[in-house]
Amino acid sequence: MNSYYISKLFKEYTNQTFVEYLTWVRVTKAVQLIAEKRYSFKEIANMVGYNDPSYFSKVFKKITGKSPREYCDEALK
């Protein structure tokens, strides 16, 4: 098996690419960590695999429709 074949199978069975799935997993974990209110956004970004907090925020907003700050502020209401 090669990486192309595995990627093709992954897409066939999950209807998403591996990168899309990994991004979803990371953002889902970030949502859980934000809810804990124990970590800064920079710490959360690092914990879920993003070295650049700005890029993490951009990806988070693309998936959730809100920035991490907006998501946190809404969760506090």
PDB file of N, CA and C in Angstrom:
ATOM      1  N   MET A   1       0.837  -1.187   0.000  1.00  0.00           N
ATOM      2  CA  MET A   1       0.000   0.000   0.000  1.00  0.00           C
ATOM      3  C   MET A   1       0.880   1.248   0.000  1.00  0.00           C
ATOM      4  N   ASN A   2       0.436   2.245  -0.722  1.00  0.00           N
ATOM      5  CA  ASN A   2       1.155   3.509  -0.694  1.00  0.00           C
ATOM      6  C   ASN A   2       0.229   4.602  -0.159  1.00  0.00           C
ATOM      7  N   SER A   3       0.778   5.764   0.074  1.00  0.00           N
ATOM      8  CA  SER A   3       0.003   6.844   0.696  1.00  0.00           C
ATOM      9  C   SER A   3      -1.163   7.295  -0.195  1.00  0.00           C
ATOM     10  N   TYR A   4      -0.971   7.282  -1.503  1.00  0.00           N
ATOM     11  CA  TYR A   4      -2.061   7.666  -2.406  1.00  0.00           C
ATOM     12  C   TYR A   4      -3.247   6.725  -2.245  1.00  0.00           C
ATOM     13  N   TYR A   5      -2.985   5.434  -2.205  1.00  0.00           N
ATOM     14  CA  TYR A   5      -4.047   4.436  -2.072  1.00  0.00           C
ATOM     15  C   TYR A   5      -4.772   4.578  -0.724  1.00  0.00           C
ATOM     16  N   ILE A   6      -4.004   4.763   0.331  1.00  0.00           N
ATOM     17  CA  ILE A   6      -4.607   4.931   1.657  1.00  0.00           C
ATOM     18  C   ILE A   6      -5.465   6.189   1.697  1.00  0.00           C
ATOM     19  N   SER A   7      -4.966   7.271   1.123  1.00  0.00           N
ATOM     20  CA  SER A   7      -5.737   8.521   1.072  1.00  0.00           C
ATOM     21  C   SER A   7      -7.032   8.331   0.296  1.00  0.00           C
ATOM     22  N   LYS A   8      -6.956   7.612  -0.803  1.00  0.00           N
ATOM     23  CA  LYS A   8      -8.140   7.345  -1.621  1.00  0.00           C
ATOM     24  C   LYS A   8      -9.165   6.531  -0.834  1.00  0.00           C
ATOM     25  N   LEU A   9      -8.709   5.502  -0.138  1.00  0.00           N
ATOM     26  CA  LEU A   9      -9.620   4.692   0.682  1.00  0.00           C
ATOM     27  C   LEU A   9     -10.237   5.520   1.810  1.00  0.00           C
ATOM     28  N   PHE A  10      -9.418   6.339   2.445  1.00  0.00           N
ATOM     29  CA  PHE A  10      -9.910   7.183   3.538  1.00  0.00           C
ATOM     30  C   PHE A  10     -11.030   8.079   3.037  1.00  0.00           C
ATOM     31  N   LYS A  11     -10.819   8.716   1.910  1.00  0.00           N
ATOM     32  CA  LYS A  11     -11.817   9.607   1.319  1.00  0.00           C
ATOM     33  C   LYS A  11     -13.077   8.824   0.939  1.00  0.00           C
ATOM     34  N   GLU A  12     -12.891   7.633   0.407  1.00  0.00           N
ATOM     35  CA  GLU A  12     -14.019   6.805  -0.009  1.00  0.00           C
ATOM     36  C   GLU A  12     -14.899   6.413   1.183  1.00  0.00           C
ATOM     37  N   TYR A  13     -14.288   6.076   2.303  1.00  0.00           N
ATOM     38  CA  TYR A  13     -15.042   5.589   3.464  1.00  0.00           C
ATOM     39  C   TYR A  13     -15.535   6.690   4.394  1.00  0.00           C
ATOM     40  N   THR A  14     -14.848   7.836   4.409  1.00  0.00           N
ATOM     41  CA  THR A  14     -15.243   8.898   5.341  1.00  0.00           C
ATOM     42  C   THR A  14     -15.858  10.099   4.647  1.00  0.00           C
ATOM     43  N   ASN A  15     -15.733  10.141   3.330  1.00  0.00           N
ATOM     44  CA  ASN A  15     -16.238  11.270   2.535  1.00  0.00           C
ATOM     45  C   ASN A  15     -15.520  12.585   2.857  1.00  0.00           C
ATOM     46  N   GLN A  16     -14.317  12.483   3.377  1.00  0.00           N
ATOM     47  CA  GLN A  16     -13.482  13.653   3.620  1.00  0.00           C
ATOM     48  C   GLN A  16     -12.016  13.240   3.513  1.00  0.00           C
ATOM     49  N   THR A  17     -11.171  14.216   3.248  1.00  0.00           N
ATOM     50  CA  THR A  17      -9.752  13.896   3.175  1.00  0.00           C
ATOM     51  C   THR A  17      -9.202  13.713   4.580  1.00  0.00           C
ATOM     52  N   PHE A  18      -8.003  13.119   4.648  1.00  0.00           N
ATOM     53  CA  PHE A  18      -7.384  12.945   5.952  1.00  0.00           C
ATOM     54  C   PHE A  18      -7.128  14.289   6.627  1.00  0.00           C
ATOM     55  N   VAL A  19      -6.685  15.269   5.853  1.00  0.00           N
ATOM     56  CA  VAL A  19      -6.405  16.599   6.409  1.00  0.00           C
ATOM     57  C   VAL A  19      -7.691  17.237   6.939  1.00  0.00           C
ATOM     58  N   GLU A  20      -8.785  17.096   6.219  1.00  0.00           N
ATOM     59  CA  GLU A  20     -10.066  17.631   6.703  1.00  0.00           C
ATOM     60  C   GLU A  20     -10.469  16.954   8.014  1.00  0.00           C
ATOM     61  N   TYR A  21     -10.281  15.638   8.082  1.00  0.00           N
ATOM     62  CA  TYR A  21     -10.603  14.902   9.301  1.00  0.00           C
ATOM     63  C   TYR A  21      -9.715  15.339  10.466  1.00  0.00           C
ATOM     64  N   LEU A  22      -8.423  15.447  10.212  1.00  0.00           N
ATOM     65  CA  LEU A  22      -7.481  15.863  11.256  1.00  0.00           C
ATOM     66  C   LEU A  22      -7.827  17.263  11.766  1.00  0.00           C
ATOM     67  N   THR A  23      -8.174  18.161  10.862  1.00  0.00           N
ATOM     68  CA  THR A  23      -8.566  19.514  11.257  1.00  0.00           C
ATOM     69  C   THR A  23      -9.801  19.469  12.135  1.00  0.00           C
ATOM     70  N   TRP A  24     -10.784  18.655  11.756  1.00  0.00           N
ATOM     71  CA  TRP A  24     -12.009  18.516  12.552  1.00  0.00           C
ATOM     72  C   TRP A  24     -11.683  17.983  13.949  1.00  0.00           C
ATOM     73  N   VAL A  25     -10.823  16.984  14.033  1.00  0.00           N
ATOM     74  CA  VAL A  25     -10.434  16.423  15.335  1.00  0.00           C
ATOM     75  C   VAL A  25      -9.760  17.494  16.190  1.00  0.00           C
ATOM     76  N   ARG A  26      -8.853  18.248  15.601  1.00  0.00           N
ATOM     77  CA  ARG A  26      -8.137  19.288  16.345  1.00  0.00           C
ATOM     78  C   ARG A  26      -9.082  20.375  16.857  1.00  0.00           C
ATOM     79  N   VAL A  27      -9.993  20.817  16.006  1.00  0.00           N
ATOM     80  CA  VAL A  27     -10.924  21.876  16.408  1.00  0.00           C
ATOM     81  C   VAL A  27     -11.896  21.351  17.470  1.00  0.00           C
ATOM     82  N   THR A  28     -12.344  20.117  17.324  1.00  0.00           N
ATOM     83  CA  THR A  28     -13.230  19.522  18.330  1.00  0.00           C
ATOM     84  C   THR A  28     -12.546  19.470  19.694  1.00  0.00           C
ATOM     85  N   LYS A  29     -11.284  19.076  19.710  1.00  0.00           N
ATOM     86  CA  LYS A  29     -10.525  19.049  20.966  1.00  0.00           C
ATOM     87  C   LYS A  29     -10.334  20.468  21.505  1.00  0.00           C
ATOM     88  N   ALA A  30     -10.082  21.420  20.621  1.00  0.00           N
ATOM     89  CA  ALA A  30      -9.914  22.814  21.043  1.00  0.00           C
ATOM     90  C   ALA A  30     -11.195  23.328  21.700  1.00  0.00           C
ATOM     91  N   VAL A  31     -12.336  22.977  21.151  1.00  0.00           N
ATOM     92  CA  VAL A  31     -13.622  23.384  21.736  1.00  0.00           C
ATOM     93  C   VAL A  31     -13.733  22.842  23.166  1.00  0.00           C
ATOM     94  N   GLN A  32     -13.352  21.597  23.359  1.00  0.00           N
ATOM     95  CA  GLN A  32     -13.387  20.999  24.701  1.00  0.00           C
ATOM     96  C   GLN A  32     -12.448  21.739  25.655  1.00  0.00           C
ATOM     97  N   LEU A  33     -11.261  22.062  25.179  1.00  0.00           N
ATOM     98  CA  LEU A  33     -10.284  22.760  26.027  1.00  0.00           C
ATOM     99  C   LEU A  33     -10.730  24.186  26.340  1.00  0.00           C
ATOM    100  N   ILE A  34     -11.344  24.853  25.384  1.00  0.00           N
ATOM    101  CA  ILE A  34     -11.873  26.200  25.635  1.00  0.00           C
ATOM    102  C   ILE A  34     -12.933  26.138  26.726  1.00  0.00           C
ATOM    103  N   ALA A  35     -13.769  25.121  26.678  1.00  0.00           N
ATOM    104  CA  ALA A  35     -14.838  24.966  27.671  1.00  0.00           C
ATOM    105  C   ALA A  35     -14.290  24.767  29.084  1.00  0.00           C
ATOM    106  N   GLU A  36     -13.101  24.196  29.195  1.00  0.00           N
ATOM    107  CA  GLU A  36     -12.481  23.989  30.507  1.00  0.00           C
ATOM    108  C   GLU A  36     -12.029  25.295  31.148  1.00  0.00           C
ATOM    109  N   LYS A  37     -11.798  26.314  30.341  1.00  0.00           N
ATOM    110  CA  LYS A  37     -11.390  27.643  30.807  1.00  0.00           C
ATOM    111  C   LYS A  37     -10.128  27.608  31.668  1.00  0.00           C
ATOM    112  N   ARG A  38      -9.217  26.686  31.353  1.00  0.00           N
ATOM    113  CA  ARG A  38      -7.975  26.568  32.118  1.00  0.00           C
ATOM    114  C   ARG A  38      -6.753  27.012  31.324  1.00  0.00           C
ATOM    115  N   TYR A  39      -6.909  27.157  30.023  1.00  0.00           N
ATOM    116  CA  TYR A  39      -5.754  27.398  29.164  1.00  0.00           C
ATOM    117  C   TYR A  39      -5.941  28.650  28.317  1.00  0.00           C
ATOM    118  N   SER A  40      -4.830  29.265  27.968  1.00  0.00           N
ATOM    119  CA  SER A  40      -4.875  30.399  27.039  1.00  0.00           C
ATOM    120  C   SER A  40      -5.094  29.847  25.629  1.00  0.00           C
ATOM    121  N   PHE A  41      -5.477  30.718  24.706  1.00  0.00           N
ATOM    122  CA  PHE A  41      -5.674  30.282  23.330  1.00  0.00           C
ATOM    123  C   PHE A  41      -4.351  29.812  22.719  1.00  0.00           C
ATOM    124  N   LYS A  42      -3.264  30.444  23.116  1.00  0.00           N
ATOM    125  CA  LYS A  42      -1.949  30.018  22.622  1.00  0.00           C
ATOM    126  C   LYS A  42      -1.620  28.604  23.101  1.00  0.00           C
ATOM    127  N   GLU A  43      -1.913  28.316  24.361  1.00  0.00           N
ATOM    128  CA  GLU A  43      -1.681  26.974  24.894  1.00  0.00           C
ATOM    129  C   GLU A  43      -2.564  25.949  24.185  1.00  0.00           C
ATOM    130  N   ILE A  44      -3.809  26.310  23.972  1.00  0.00           N
ATOM    131  CA  ILE A  44      -4.730  25.398  23.285  1.00  0.00           C
ATOM    132  C   ILE A  44      -4.249  25.130  21.867  1.00  0.00           C
ATOM    133  N   ALA A  45      -3.829  26.174  21.174  1.00  0.00           N
ATOM    134  CA  ALA A  45      -3.308  26.000  19.814  1.00  0.00           C
ATOM    135  C   ALA A  45      -2.171  24.988  19.809  1.00  0.00           C
ATOM    136  N   ASN A  46      -1.243  25.126  20.726  1.00  0.00           N
ATOM    137  CA  ASN A  46      -0.118  24.186  20.815  1.00  0.00           C
ATOM    138  C   ASN A  46      -0.575  22.780  21.184  1.00  0.00           C
ATOM    139  N   MET A  47      -1.521  22.690  22.091  1.00  0.00           N
ATOM    140  CA  MET A  47      -2.003  21.382  22.535  1.00  0.00           C
ATOM    141  C   MET A  47      -2.675  20.590  21.425  1.00  0.00           C
ATOM    142  N   VAL A  48      -3.308  21.281  20.496  1.00  0.00           N
ATOM    143  CA  VAL A  48      -4.005  20.575  19.417  1.00  0.00           C
ATOM    144  C   VAL A  48      -3.185  20.509  18.129  1.00  0.00           C
ATOM    145  N   GLY A  49      -1.941  20.980  18.182  1.00  0.00           N
ATOM    146  CA  GLY A  49      -1.038  20.764  17.064  1.00  0.00           C
ATOM    147  C   GLY A  49      -0.755  21.950  16.165  1.00  0.00           C
ATOM    148  N   TYR A  50      -1.088  23.154  16.611  1.00  0.00           N
ATOM    149  CA  TYR A  50      -0.791  24.353  15.823  1.00  0.00           C
ATOM    150  C   TYR A  50       0.260  25.182  16.542  1.00  0.00           C
ATOM    151  N   ASN A  51       1.381  25.434  15.881  1.00  0.00           N
ATOM    152  CA  ASN A  51       2.443  26.244  16.475  1.00  0.00           C
ATOM    153  C   ASN A  51       2.164  27.733  16.361  1.00  0.00           C
ATOM    154  N   ASP A  52       1.320  28.108  15.429  1.00  0.00           N
ATOM    155  CA  ASP A  52       1.008  29.515  15.187  1.00  0.00           C
ATOM    156  C   ASP A  52      -0.417  29.815  15.655  1.00  0.00           C
ATOM    157  N   PRO A  53      -0.581  30.545  16.759  1.00  0.00           N
ATOM    158  CA  PRO A  53      -1.920  30.841  17.271  1.00  0.00           C
ATOM    159  C   PRO A  53      -2.803  31.594  16.273  1.00  0.00           C
ATOM    160  N   SER A  54      -2.205  32.427  15.433  1.00  0.00           N
ATOM    161  CA  SER A  54      -2.992  33.154  14.430  1.00  0.00           C
ATOM    162  C   SER A  54      -3.584  32.195  13.404  1.00  0.00           C
ATOM    163  N   TYR A  55      -2.780  31.245  12.966  1.00  0.00           N
ATOM    164  CA  TYR A  55      -3.266  30.257  12.008  1.00  0.00           C
ATOM    165  C   TYR A  55      -4.332  29.383  12.663  1.00  0.00           C
ATOM    166  N   PHE A  56      -4.101  28.999  13.916  1.00  0.00           N
ATOM    167  CA  PHE A  56      -5.097  28.226  14.660  1.00  0.00           C
ATOM    168  C   PHE A  56      -6.424  28.972  14.699  1.00  0.00           C
ATOM    169  N   SER A  57      -6.384  30.250  14.996  1.00  0.00           N
ATOM    170  CA  SER A  57      -7.599  31.056  15.065  1.00  0.00           C
ATOM    171  C   SER A  57      -8.315  31.084  13.720  1.00  0.00           C
ATOM    172  N   LYS A  58      -7.554  31.207  12.650  1.00  0.00           N
ATOM    173  CA  LYS A  58      -8.121  31.231  11.300  1.00  0.00           C
ATOM    174  C   LYS A  58      -8.806  29.899  10.975  1.00  0.00           C
ATOM    175  N   VAL A  59      -8.139  28.797  11.277  1.00  0.00           N
ATOM    176  CA  VAL A  59      -8.713  27.467  11.025  1.00  0.00           C
ATOM    177  C   VAL A  59      -9.942  27.250  11.901  1.00  0.00           C
ATOM    178  N   PHE A  60      -9.852  27.636  13.165  1.00  0.00           N
ATOM    179  CA  PHE A  60     -10.961  27.483  14.106  1.00  0.00           C
ATOM    180  C   PHE A  60     -12.191  28.224  13.585  1.00  0.00           C
ATOM    181  N   LYS A  61     -11.990  29.447  13.120  1.00  0.00           N
ATOM    182  CA  LYS A  61     -13.104  30.251  12.616  1.00  0.00           C
ATOM    183  C   LYS A  61     -13.692  29.646  11.341  1.00  0.00           C
ATOM    184  N   LYS A  62     -12.842  29.097  10.513  1.00  0.00           N
ATOM    185  CA  LYS A  62     -13.321  28.465   9.279  1.00  0.00           C
ATOM    186  C   LYS A  62     -14.237  27.285   9.584  1.00  0.00           C
ATOM    187  N   ILE A  63     -13.920  26.528  10.623  1.00  0.00           N
ATOM    188  CA  ILE A  63     -14.698  25.338  10.976  1.00  0.00           C
ATOM    189  C   ILE A  63     -15.940  25.691  11.793  1.00  0.00           C
ATOM    190  N   THR A  64     -15.794  26.582  12.768  1.00  0.00           N
ATOM    191  CA  THR A  64     -16.902  26.867  13.688  1.00  0.00           C
ATOM    192  C   THR A  64     -17.720  28.098  13.320  1.00  0.00           C
ATOM    193  N   GLY A  65     -17.145  28.969  12.484  1.00  0.00           N
ATOM    194  CA  GLY A  65     -17.820  30.220  12.149  1.00  0.00           C
ATOM    195  C   GLY A  65     -17.550  31.325  13.158  1.00  0.00           C
ATOM    196  N   LYS A  66     -16.740  31.005  14.182  1.00  0.00           N
ATOM    197  CA  LYS A  66     -16.406  31.984  15.223  1.00  0.00           C
ATOM    198  C   LYS A  66     -14.929  31.864  15.562  1.00  0.00           C
ATOM    199  N   SER A  67     -14.350  32.970  15.982  1.00  0.00           N
ATOM    200  CA  SER A  67     -12.970  32.912  16.463  1.00  0.00           C
ATOM    201  C   SER A  67     -12.975  32.219  17.827  1.00  0.00           C
ATOM    202  N   PRO A  68     -11.824  31.735  18.283  1.00  0.00           N
ATOM    203  CA  PRO A  68     -11.796  31.131  19.624  1.00  0.00           C
ATOM    204  C   PRO A  68     -12.313  32.091  20.702  1.00  0.00           C
ATOM    205  N   ARG A  69     -11.965  33.373  20.594  1.00  0.00           N
ATOM    206  CA  ARG A  69     -12.432  34.369  21.573  1.00  0.00           C
ATOM    207  C   ARG A  69     -13.954  34.494  21.528  1.00  0.00           C
ATOM    208  N   GLU A  70     -14.514  34.609  20.325  1.00  0.00           N
ATOM    209  CA  GLU A  70     -15.971  34.709  20.186  1.00  0.00           C
ATOM    210  C   GLU A  70     -16.650  33.455  20.731  1.00  0.00           C
ATOM    211  N   TYR A  71     -16.066  32.311  20.448  1.00  0.00           N
ATOM    212  CA  TYR A  71     -16.613  31.048  20.926  1.00  0.00           C
ATOM    213  C   TYR A  71     -16.605  31.008  22.449  1.00  0.00           C
ATOM    214  N   CYS A  72     -15.508  31.430  23.037  1.00  0.00           N
ATOM    215  CA  CYS A  72     -15.380  31.460  24.494  1.00  0.00           C
ATOM    216  C   CYS A  72     -16.358  32.429  25.111  1.00  0.00           C
ATOM    217  N   ASP A  73     -16.445  33.630  24.548  1.00  0.00           N
ATOM    218  CA  ASP A  73     -17.357  34.652  25.085  1.00  0.00           C
ATOM    219  C   ASP A  73     -18.809  34.176  25.021  1.00  0.00           C
ATOM    220  N   GLU A  74     -19.164  33.496  23.946  1.00  0.00           N
ATOM    221  CA  GLU A  74     -20.520  32.989  23.810  1.00  0.00           C
ATOM    222  C   GLU A  74     -20.784  31.862  24.796  1.00  0.00           C
ATOM    223  N   ALA A  75     -19.782  31.065  25.056  1.00  0.00           N
ATOM    224  CA  ALA A  75     -19.932  29.941  25.999  1.00  0.00           C
ATOM    225  C   ALA A  75     -20.129  30.446  27.424  1.00  0.00           C
ATOM    226  N   LEU A  76     -19.636  31.647  27.725  1.00  0.00           N
ATOM    227  CA  LEU A  76     -19.769  32.193  29.070  1.00  0.00           C
ATOM    228  C   LEU A  76     -21.163  32.768  29.329  1.00  0.00           C
ATOM    229  N   LYS A  77     -21.935  32.992  28.278  1.00  0.00           N
ATOM    230  CA  LYS A  77     -23.271  33.583  28.439  1.00  0.00           C
ATOM    231  C   LYS A  77     -24.245  32.605  29.039  1.00  0.00           C
TER     232      LYS A  77
END
